[in-house]
Amino acid sequence: MKGAVEQAQDLLQAQLALAQTLEEDRVYGEKQVQAASGDGAVSQSTNALNACGDLEGRRLHHETSELPMLSKNDKKLLQLQQQVAGVHNKLSLLLVERLRVVSELQSQIRYLGNRLAMLKENAVAQEVAVSELLHVRCMPSAYAACVEEVKMRQQYFRTYVAKVRFIVPWCVCSG
């Protein structure tokens, strides 16, 4: 089946052809009337009678054939116009729906972009915190070294106090 637009184009061509025929018959009728209104009473009435008969035949042809065809084509064009309008309305509704979906997707993209920026900031903060924790990982060995240092200093202090007591017996040192 042809599409509505192609059918409308075909009907338009048919309407134009019928309109052209009607225009040609109008011009022909004008010429017949002018010819019938010529010279001579007897020939004028015969010419007028012949012209009227010819014009009446064309009028009947127009009433029975061409005018009903024009009316039928007009009704078909109206139906096609209504079909196209219905399709246009459906497409408009689909377009609005698609635009709504696109708008929602754009909002989600904007939201996710903001969330991504926030997550990147959090990742940087976490990286800083983790770098601080890397120092904590070294704490047991640093603590052990510190304890050894304290023990060594305490031992040094005791040795020093013992030497000082040996050299200066009257010194009262706590230790």
C-alpha atoms as a PDB file:
ATOM      1  CA  MET A   1       0.000   0.000   0.000  1.00  0.00           C
ATOM      2  CA  LYS A   2       1.267   3.434  -0.855  1.00  0.00           C
ATOM      3  CA  GLY A   3       2.069   5.861   1.891  1.00  0.00           C
ATOM      4  CA  ALA A   4      -0.321   8.666   2.745  1.00  0.00           C
ATOM      5  CA  VAL A   5       1.933  11.301   1.203  1.00  0.00           C
ATOM      6  CA  GLU A   6       2.219   9.390  -2.084  1.00  0.00           C
ATOM      7  CA  GLN A   7      -1.559   8.871  -2.168  1.00  0.00           C
ATOM      8  CA  ALA A   8      -2.087  12.578  -1.525  1.00  0.00           C
ATOM      9  CA  GLN A   9       0.298  13.433  -4.372  1.00  0.00           C
ATOM     10  CA  ASP A  10      -1.612  11.119  -6.724  1.00  0.00           C
ATOM     11  CA  LEU A  11      -4.930  12.663  -5.668  1.00  0.00           C
ATOM     12  CA  LEU A  12      -3.473  16.131  -6.140  1.00  0.00           C
ATOM     13  CA  GLN A  13      -2.472  15.265  -9.696  1.00  0.00           C
ATOM     14  CA  ALA A  14      -5.976  13.900 -10.369  1.00  0.00           C
ATOM     15  CA  GLN A  15      -7.544  17.060  -8.907  1.00  0.00           C
ATOM     16  CA  LEU A  16      -5.267  19.252 -11.029  1.00  0.00           C
ATOM     17  CA  ALA A  17      -6.218  17.290 -14.160  1.00  0.00           C
ATOM     18  CA  LEU A  18      -9.934  17.652 -13.366  1.00  0.00           C
ATOM     19  CA  ALA A  19      -9.515  21.357 -12.643  1.00  0.00           C
ATOM     20  CA  GLN A  20      -7.667  21.744 -15.953  1.00  0.00           C
ATOM     21  CA  THR A  21     -10.545  20.005 -17.780  1.00  0.00           C
ATOM     22  CA  LEU A  22     -13.099  22.246 -16.086  1.00  0.00           C
ATOM     23  CA  GLU A  23     -11.066  25.343 -16.965  1.00  0.00           C
ATOM     24  CA  GLU A  24     -10.790  24.239 -20.595  1.00  0.00           C
ATOM     25  CA  ASP A  25     -14.572  23.642 -20.728  1.00  0.00           C
ATOM     26  CA  ARG A  26     -15.206  27.091 -19.193  1.00  0.00           C
ATOM     27  CA  VAL A  27     -13.052  28.720 -21.892  1.00  0.00           C
ATOM     28  CA  TYR A  28     -14.827  26.604 -24.536  1.00  0.00           C
ATOM     29  CA  GLY A  29     -18.227  27.692 -23.156  1.00  0.00           C
ATOM     30  CA  GLU A  30     -17.261  31.355 -23.287  1.00  0.00           C
ATOM     31  CA  LYS A  31     -16.223  30.953 -26.923  1.00  0.00           C
ATOM     32  CA  GLN A  32     -19.507  29.169 -27.732  1.00  0.00           C
ATOM     33  CA  VAL A  33     -21.523  31.966 -26.131  1.00  0.00           C
ATOM     34  CA  GLN A  34     -19.567  34.601 -28.071  1.00  0.00           C
ATOM     35  CA  ALA A  35     -19.954  32.681 -31.298  1.00  0.00           C
ATOM     36  CA  ALA A  36     -23.693  32.212 -30.758  1.00  0.00           C
ATOM     37  CA  SER A  37     -24.209  35.914 -30.204  1.00  0.00           C
ATOM     38  CA  GLY A  38     -22.940  36.692 -33.749  1.00  0.00           C
ATOM     39  CA  ASP A  39     -24.782  38.139 -36.798  1.00  0.00           C
ATOM     40  CA  GLY A  40     -28.100  36.957 -38.305  1.00  0.00           C
ATOM     41  CA  ALA A  41     -31.310  36.144 -36.512  1.00  0.00           C
ATOM     42  CA  VAL A  42     -31.905  32.658 -38.029  1.00  0.00           C
ATOM     43  CA  SER A  43     -28.317  31.511 -37.784  1.00  0.00           C
ATOM     44  CA  GLN A  44     -28.019  33.115 -34.410  1.00  0.00           C
ATOM     45  CA  SER A  45     -30.896  31.132 -32.941  1.00  0.00           C
ATOM     46  CA  THR A  46     -29.622  27.896 -34.549  1.00  0.00           C
ATOM     47  CA  ASN A  47     -26.113  28.567 -33.308  1.00  0.00           C
ATOM     48  CA  ALA A  48     -27.443  29.460 -29.874  1.00  0.00           C
ATOM     49  CA  LEU A  49     -29.545  26.280 -29.786  1.00  0.00           C
ATOM     50  CA  ASN A  50     -26.564  24.138 -30.846  1.00  0.00           C
ATOM     51  CA  ALA A  51     -24.297  25.913 -28.339  1.00  0.00           C
ATOM     52  CA  CYS A  52     -26.859  25.407 -25.557  1.00  0.00           C
ATOM     53  CA  GLY A  53     -27.156  21.709 -26.406  1.00  0.00           C
ATOM     54  CA  ASP A  54     -23.375  21.300 -26.441  1.00  0.00           C
ATOM     55  CA  LEU A  55     -22.975  23.222 -23.178  1.00  0.00           C
ATOM     56  CA  GLU A  56     -25.819  21.234 -21.580  1.00  0.00           C
ATOM     57  CA  GLY A  57     -24.038  18.002 -22.545  1.00  0.00           C
ATOM     58  CA  ARG A  58     -20.843  19.235 -20.958  1.00  0.00           C
ATOM     59  CA  ARG A  59     -22.736  20.370 -17.838  1.00  0.00           C
ATOM     60  CA  LEU A  60     -24.315  16.946 -17.445  1.00  0.00           C
ATOM     61  CA  HIS A  61     -20.912  15.302 -17.936  1.00  0.00           C
ATOM     62  CA  HIS A  62     -19.455  17.573 -15.232  1.00  0.00           C
ATOM     63  CA  GLU A  63     -22.366  16.881 -12.841  1.00  0.00           C
ATOM     64  CA  THR A  64     -22.310  13.124 -13.317  1.00  0.00           C
ATOM     65  CA  SER A  65     -18.596  12.467 -13.714  1.00  0.00           C
ATOM     66  CA  GLU A  66     -16.098  15.189 -12.886  1.00  0.00           C
ATOM     67  CA  LEU A  67     -17.752  16.984  -9.953  1.00  0.00           C
ATOM     68  CA  PRO A  68     -18.462  13.712  -8.076  1.00  0.00           C
ATOM     69  CA  MET A  69     -14.854  12.684  -8.757  1.00  0.00           C
ATOM     70  CA  LEU A  70     -13.629  16.031  -7.338  1.00  0.00           C
ATOM     71  CA  SER A  71     -15.822  15.527  -4.264  1.00  0.00           C
ATOM     72  CA  LYS A  72     -14.614  11.934  -3.839  1.00  0.00           C
ATOM     73  CA  ASN A  73     -10.976  13.038  -4.152  1.00  0.00           C
ATOM     74  CA  ASP A  74     -11.589  15.829  -1.629  1.00  0.00           C
ATOM     75  CA  LYS A  75     -12.954  13.306   0.873  1.00  0.00           C
ATOM     76  CA  LYS A  76      -9.952  11.027   0.296  1.00  0.00           C
ATOM     77  CA  LEU A  77      -7.609  13.992   0.757  1.00  0.00           C
ATOM     78  CA  LEU A  78      -9.400  14.891   3.992  1.00  0.00           C
ATOM     79  CA  GLN A  79      -8.994  11.290   5.244  1.00  0.00           C
ATOM     80  CA  LEU A  80      -5.313  11.326   4.303  1.00  0.00           C
ATOM     81  CA  GLN A  81      -4.898  14.682   6.017  1.00  0.00           C
ATOM     82  CA  GLN A  82      -6.483  13.260   9.160  1.00  0.00           C
ATOM     83  CA  GLN A  83      -4.211  10.194   8.945  1.00  0.00           C
ATOM     84  CA  VAL A  84      -1.142  12.371   8.590  1.00  0.00           C
ATOM     85  CA  ALA A  85      -2.330  14.567  11.477  1.00  0.00           C
ATOM     86  CA  GLY A  86      -2.800  11.441  13.627  1.00  0.00           C
ATOM     87  CA  VAL A  87       0.675  10.191  12.771  1.00  0.00           C
ATOM     88  CA  HIS A  88       2.046  13.679  13.454  1.00  0.00           C
ATOM     89  CA  ASN A  89       0.390  13.702  16.881  1.00  0.00           C
ATOM     90  CA  LYS A  90       1.771  10.240  17.708  1.00  0.00           C
ATOM     91  CA  LEU A  91       5.245  11.289  16.587  1.00  0.00           C
ATOM     92  CA  SER A  92       4.977  14.467  18.640  1.00  0.00           C
ATOM     93  CA  LEU A  93       4.054  12.422  21.713  1.00  0.00           C
ATOM     94  CA  LEU A  94       6.955  10.051  21.053  1.00  0.00           C
ATOM     95  CA  LEU A  95       9.292  13.022  20.628  1.00  0.00           C
ATOM     96  CA  VAL A  96       8.133  14.525  23.924  1.00  0.00           C
ATOM     97  CA  GLU A  97       8.619  11.156  25.629  1.00  0.00           C
ATOM     98  CA  ARG A  98      12.114  10.785  24.155  1.00  0.00           C
ATOM     99  CA  LEU A  99      13.001  14.326  25.204  1.00  0.00           C
ATOM    100  CA  ARG A 100      11.801  13.509  28.726  1.00  0.00           C
ATOM    101  CA  VAL A 101      13.986  10.386  28.773  1.00  0.00           C
ATOM    102  CA  VAL A 102      16.949  12.376  27.443  1.00  0.00           C
ATOM    103  CA  SER A 103      16.363  15.023  30.107  1.00  0.00           C
ATOM    104  CA  GLU A 104      16.326  12.359  32.823  1.00  0.00           C
ATOM    105  CA  LEU A 105      19.529  10.849  31.441  1.00  0.00           C
ATOM    106  CA  GLN A 106      21.168  14.273  31.360  1.00  0.00           C
ATOM    107  CA  SER A 107      20.171  14.798  34.994  1.00  0.00           C
ATOM    108  CA  GLN A 108      21.614  11.417  35.932  1.00  0.00           C
ATOM    109  CA  ILE A 109      24.827  12.197  34.050  1.00  0.00           C
ATOM    110  CA  ARG A 110      25.101  15.550  35.845  1.00  0.00           C
ATOM    111  CA  TYR A 111      24.439  13.846  39.195  1.00  0.00           C
ATOM    112  CA  LEU A 112      26.998  11.113  38.471  1.00  0.00           C
ATOM    113  CA  GLY A 113      29.536  13.734  37.344  1.00  0.00           C
ATOM    114  CA  ASN A 114      29.112  15.584  40.657  1.00  0.00           C
ATOM    115  CA  ARG A 115      29.301  12.310  42.561  1.00  0.00           C
ATOM    116  CA  LEU A 116      32.449  11.326  40.662  1.00  0.00           C
ATOM    117  CA  ALA A 117      34.083  14.638  41.577  1.00  0.00           C
ATOM    118  CA  MET A 118      33.132  14.072  45.212  1.00  0.00           C
ATOM    119  CA  LEU A 119      34.494  10.496  45.102  1.00  0.00           C
ATOM    120  CA  LYS A 120      37.755  11.745  43.589  1.00  0.00           C
ATOM    121  CA  GLU A 121      38.087  14.250  46.436  1.00  0.00           C
ATOM    122  CA  ASN A 122      37.391  11.449  48.937  1.00  0.00           C
ATOM    123  CA  ALA A 123      39.961   9.247  47.215  1.00  0.00           C
ATOM    124  CA  VAL A 124      42.583  11.987  47.588  1.00  0.00           C
ATOM    125  CA  ALA A 125      41.665  12.359  51.274  1.00  0.00           C
ATOM    126  CA  GLN A 126      41.880   8.580  51.730  1.00  0.00           C
ATOM    127  CA  GLU A 127      45.260   8.533  50.012  1.00  0.00           C
ATOM    128  CA  VAL A 128      46.533  11.171  52.439  1.00  0.00           C
ATOM    129  CA  ALA A 129      45.151   9.179  55.385  1.00  0.00           C
ATOM    130  CA  VAL A 130      46.706   5.964  54.088  1.00  0.00           C
ATOM    131  CA  SER A 131      50.070   7.667  53.664  1.00  0.00           C
ATOM    132  CA  GLU A 132      49.822   8.636  57.338  1.00  0.00           C
ATOM    133  CA  LEU A 133      49.052   5.010  58.174  1.00  0.00           C
ATOM    134  CA  LEU A 134      52.184   3.892  56.334  1.00  0.00           C
ATOM    135  CA  HIS A 135      54.156   5.574  59.107  1.00  0.00           C
ATOM    136  CA  VAL A 136      52.208   3.537  61.660  1.00  0.00           C
ATOM    137  CA  ARG A 137      53.326   0.366  59.893  1.00  0.00           C
ATOM    138  CA  CYS A 138      56.879   1.328  60.725  1.00  0.00           C
ATOM    139  CA  MET A 139      55.979   2.006  64.365  1.00  0.00           C
ATOM    140  CA  PRO A 140      56.758  -1.492  65.809  1.00  0.00           C
ATOM    141  CA  SER A 141      60.351  -1.389  64.605  1.00  0.00           C
ATOM    142  CA  ALA A 142      60.694   2.258  65.672  1.00  0.00           C
ATOM    143  CA  TYR A 143      59.204   1.380  69.068  1.00  0.00           C
ATOM    144  CA  ALA A 144      61.571  -1.555  69.472  1.00  0.00           C
ATOM    145  CA  ALA A 145      64.509   0.686  68.543  1.00  0.00           C
ATOM    146  CA  CYS A 146      63.278   3.296  71.007  1.00  0.00           C
ATOM    147  CA  VAL A 147      62.971   0.686  73.794  1.00  0.00           C
ATOM    148  CA  GLU A 148      66.512  -0.481  73.031  1.00  0.00           C
ATOM    149  CA  GLU A 149      67.689   3.117  73.134  1.00  0.00           C
ATOM    150  CA  VAL A 150      65.975   3.647  76.518  1.00  0.00           C
ATOM    151  CA  LYS A 151      67.534   0.448  77.879  1.00  0.00           C
ATOM    152  CA  MET A 152      70.950   1.461  76.573  1.00  0.00           C
ATOM    153  CA  ARG A 153      70.637   4.934  78.159  1.00  0.00           C
ATOM    154  CA  GLN A 154      69.463   3.465  81.430  1.00  0.00           C
ATOM    155  CA  GLN A 155      72.449   1.085  81.369  1.00  0.00           C
ATOM    156  CA  TYR A 156      74.740   4.007  80.546  1.00  0.00           C
ATOM    157  CA  PHE A 157      73.205   6.025  83.374  1.00  0.00           C
ATOM    158  CA  ARG A 158      73.763   3.174  85.854  1.00  0.00           C
ATOM    159  CA  THR A 159      77.310   2.674  84.667  1.00  0.00           C
ATOM    160  CA  TYR A 160      77.948   6.432  84.904  1.00  0.00           C
ATOM    161  CA  VAL A 161      76.458   6.624  88.410  1.00  0.00           C
ATOM    162  CA  ALA A 162      78.514   3.634  89.510  1.00  0.00           C
ATOM    163  CA  LYS A 163      81.693   5.281  88.234  1.00  0.00           C
ATOM    164  CA  VAL A 164      80.779   8.570  89.883  1.00  0.00           C
ATOM    165  CA  ARG A 165      80.169   6.749  93.250  1.00  0.00           C
ATOM    166  CA  PHE A 166      83.452   5.050  92.916  1.00  0.00           C
ATOM    167  CA  ILE A 167      85.235   8.321  92.271  1.00  0.00           C
ATOM    168  CA  VAL A 168      83.159  10.473  94.601  1.00  0.00           C
ATOM    169  CA  PRO A 169      81.828   8.230  97.388  1.00  0.00           C
ATOM    170  CA  TRP A 170      79.957  11.003  99.229  1.00  0.00           C
ATOM    171  CA  CYS A 171      77.688  11.666  96.113  1.00  0.00           C
ATOM    172  CA  VAL A 172      74.158  10.543  96.629  1.00  0.00           C
ATOM    173  CA  CYS A 173      72.747   9.700  93.265  1.00  0.00           C
ATOM    174  CA  SER A 174      69.447   8.055  92.749  1.00  0.00           C
ATOM    175  CA  GLY A 175      69.428   5.381  90.274  1.00  0.00           C
END
